[in-house]
C-alpha atoms as a PDB file:
ATOM      1  CA  MET A   1     -36.858 -74.392  18.213  1.00  0.00           C
ATOM      2  CA  PHE A   2     -40.348 -74.242  16.769  1.00  0.00           C
ATOM      3  CA  ARG A   3     -43.122 -71.639  16.665  1.00  0.00           C
ATOM      4  CA  PRO A   4     -46.012 -73.283  18.555  1.00  0.00           C
ATOM      5  CA  GLU A   5     -48.445 -70.597  17.405  1.00  0.00           C
ATOM      6  CA  LEU A   6     -47.723 -71.636  13.809  1.00  0.00           C
ATOM      7  CA  VAL A   7     -47.094 -75.360  14.071  1.00  0.00           C
ATOM      8  CA  SER A   8     -48.332 -77.827  16.652  1.00  0.00           C
ATOM      9  CA  LEU A   9     -45.653 -80.360  17.458  1.00  0.00           C
ATOM     10  CA  ASP A  10     -48.453 -82.805  18.258  1.00  0.00           C
ATOM     11  CA  ASN A  11     -48.917 -83.060  14.488  1.00  0.00           C
ATOM     12  CA  TYR A  12     -45.216 -83.664  13.844  1.00  0.00           C
ATOM     13  CA  PRO A  13     -43.797 -86.340  16.173  1.00  0.00           C
ATOM     14  CA  SER A  14     -40.481 -86.378  14.300  1.00  0.00           C
ATOM     15  CA  ALA A  15     -40.015 -82.652  14.968  1.00  0.00           C
ATOM     16  CA  ARG A  16     -40.788 -83.194  18.652  1.00  0.00           C
ATOM     17  CA  ALA A  17     -38.229 -86.013  18.676  1.00  0.00           C
ATOM     18  CA  GLU A  18     -35.607 -83.690  17.146  1.00  0.00           C
ATOM     19  CA  ALA A  19     -36.311 -81.073  19.797  1.00  0.00           C
ATOM     20  CA  ARG A  20     -35.801 -83.688  22.503  1.00  0.00           C
ATOM     21  CA  ARG A  21     -32.621 -84.911  20.796  1.00  0.00           C
ATOM     22  CA  ALA A  22     -31.203 -81.385  20.679  1.00  0.00           C
ATOM     23  CA  PHE A  23     -32.059 -80.794  24.334  1.00  0.00           C
ATOM     24  CA  ALA A  24     -30.473 -84.133  25.292  1.00  0.00           C
ATOM     25  CA  ALA A  25     -27.281 -83.151  23.447  1.00  0.00           C
ATOM     26  CA  LEU A  26     -27.145 -79.938  25.470  1.00  0.00           C
ATOM     27  CA  GLU A  27     -27.713 -81.876  28.684  1.00  0.00           C
ATOM     28  CA  ALA A  28     -24.828 -84.197  27.760  1.00  0.00           C
ATOM     29  CA  LEU A  29     -22.571 -81.227  27.076  1.00  0.00           C
ATOM     30  CA  VAL A  30     -23.342 -79.705  30.474  1.00  0.00           C
ATOM     31  CA  LYS A  31     -22.924 -83.095  32.147  1.00  0.00           C
ATOM     32  CA  GLY A  32     -19.423 -83.244  30.630  1.00  0.00           C
ATOM     33  CA  ALA A  33     -18.685 -79.762  31.949  1.00  0.00           C
ATOM     34  CA  VAL A  34     -19.786 -80.879  35.418  1.00  0.00           C
ATOM     35  CA  LYS A  35     -17.567 -83.979  35.135  1.00  0.00           C
ATOM     36  CA  ASP A  36     -14.635 -81.736  34.152  1.00  0.00           C
ATOM     37  CA  LYS A  37     -15.464 -79.484  37.131  1.00  0.00           C
ATOM     38  CA  VAL A  38     -16.155 -76.483  34.909  1.00  0.00           C
ATOM     39  CA  ILE A  39     -19.713 -76.206  36.255  1.00  0.00           C
ATOM     40  CA  ALA A  40     -20.817 -77.028  39.792  1.00  0.00           C
ATOM     41  CA  PRO A  41     -23.277 -79.930  39.934  1.00  0.00           C
ATOM     42  CA  SER A  42     -25.825 -77.711  41.682  1.00  0.00           C
ATOM     43  CA  LEU A  43     -25.819 -75.388  38.643  1.00  0.00           C
ATOM     44  CA  ALA A  44     -26.192 -78.063  35.954  1.00  0.00           C
ATOM     45  CA  ASP A  45     -29.977 -77.957  35.490  1.00  0.00           C
ATOM     46  CA  GLY A  46     -30.049 -74.166  35.455  1.00  0.00           C
ATOM     47  CA  THR A  47     -27.142 -74.053  33.014  1.00  0.00           C
ATOM     48  CA  VAL A  48     -28.990 -76.328  30.595  1.00  0.00           C
ATOM     49  CA  LEU A  49     -32.107 -74.163  30.752  1.00  0.00           C
ATOM     50  CA  VAL A  50     -30.243 -70.877  30.390  1.00  0.00           C
ATOM     51  CA  ALA A  51     -28.252 -72.189  27.430  1.00  0.00           C
ATOM     52  CA  TRP A  52     -31.410 -73.537  25.765  1.00  0.00           C
ATOM     53  CA  GLU A  53     -33.240 -70.261  26.302  1.00  0.00           C
ATOM     54  CA  PHE A  54     -30.242 -68.264  25.049  1.00  0.00           C
ATOM     55  CA  VAL A  55     -30.113 -70.212  21.793  1.00  0.00           C
ATOM     56  CA  GLN A  56     -33.867 -69.953  21.320  1.00  0.00           C
ATOM     57  CA  GLY A  57     -33.814 -66.206  21.972  1.00  0.00           C
ATOM     58  CA  LEU A  58     -30.819 -65.609  19.735  1.00  0.00           C
ATOM     59  CA  SER A  59     -32.441 -67.636  16.983  1.00  0.00           C
ATOM     60  CA  TRP A  60     -35.626 -65.586  17.172  1.00  0.00           C
ATOM     61  CA  LEU A  61     -33.730 -62.299  17.272  1.00  0.00           C
ATOM     62  CA  SER A  62     -31.681 -63.395  14.266  1.00  0.00           C
ATOM     63  CA  ILE A  63     -34.637 -64.575  12.201  1.00  0.00           C
ATOM     64  CA  GLU A  64     -37.417 -62.134  13.049  1.00  0.00           C
ATOM     65  CA  GLY A  65     -36.163 -59.623  15.537  1.00  0.00           C
ATOM     66  CA  PRO A  66     -33.669 -56.775  15.682  1.00  0.00           C
ATOM     67  CA  LEU A  67     -30.642 -58.882  14.749  1.00  0.00           C
ATOM     68  CA  ALA A  68     -32.222 -59.753  11.408  1.00  0.00           C
ATOM     69  CA  LYS A  69     -32.365 -56.064  10.548  1.00  0.00           C
ATOM     70  CA  MET A  70     -28.908 -55.398  11.982  1.00  0.00           C
ATOM     71  CA  ALA A  71     -27.450 -58.191   9.852  1.00  0.00           C
ATOM     72  CA  THR A  72     -28.653 -56.527   6.683  1.00  0.00           C
ATOM     73  CA  GLU A  73     -27.516 -53.074   7.817  1.00  0.00           C
ATOM     74  CA  GLY A  74     -24.214 -54.100   9.366  1.00  0.00           C
ATOM     75  CA  LEU A  75     -23.580 -55.029  12.980  1.00  0.00           C
ATOM     76  CA  THR A  76     -20.931 -52.448  13.813  1.00  0.00           C
ATOM     77  CA  THR A  77     -22.035 -49.329  12.028  1.00  0.00           C
ATOM     78  CA  THR A  78     -24.857 -47.485  13.711  1.00  0.00           C
ATOM     79  CA  LYS A  79     -25.879 -43.876  13.770  1.00  0.00           C
ATOM     80  CA  SER A  80     -25.237 -43.797  17.508  1.00  0.00           C
ATOM     81  CA  ASN A  81     -21.510 -44.600  17.187  1.00  0.00           C
ATOM     82  CA  ALA A  82     -20.820 -43.123  13.745  1.00  0.00           C
ATOM     83  CA  GLY A  83     -18.264 -40.355  13.931  1.00  0.00           C
ATOM     84  CA  ARG A  84     -17.337 -41.024  17.549  1.00  0.00           C
ATOM     85  CA  LYS A  85     -13.747 -40.482  18.481  1.00  0.00           C
ATOM     86  CA  THR A  86     -12.034 -43.334  20.200  1.00  0.00           C
ATOM     87  CA  ALA A  87      -9.652 -42.929  23.094  1.00  0.00           C
ATOM     88  CA  LYS A  88      -6.003 -43.437  22.362  1.00  0.00           C
ATOM     89  CA  LYS A  89      -4.317 -46.276  24.134  1.00  0.00           C
ATOM     90  CA  PRO A  90      -1.783 -45.252  26.779  1.00  0.00           C
ATOM     91  CA  GLY A  91       1.699 -44.838  25.391  1.00  0.00           C
ATOM     92  CA  ARG A  92       0.619 -44.086  21.829  1.00  0.00           C
END
């Protein structure tokens, strides 16, 4: 959620509180999924961490990493798939 090498959350208690609030919302979402038997109780903690890490990673990739560049160039058009023929669906 925040770049610790740029900003120390110790200097911004409200930002730290928002990070905790966001994490708590994710925990509540997973708790609901466990209650609805979508996720096994034994997987709840790991699910929260994986989801948190996924969002953090996706955010970084979108802001500063490869996805930022891909967004400006187009997500589906790359030199590697340009001009490729696609297989016809059966029956067509």
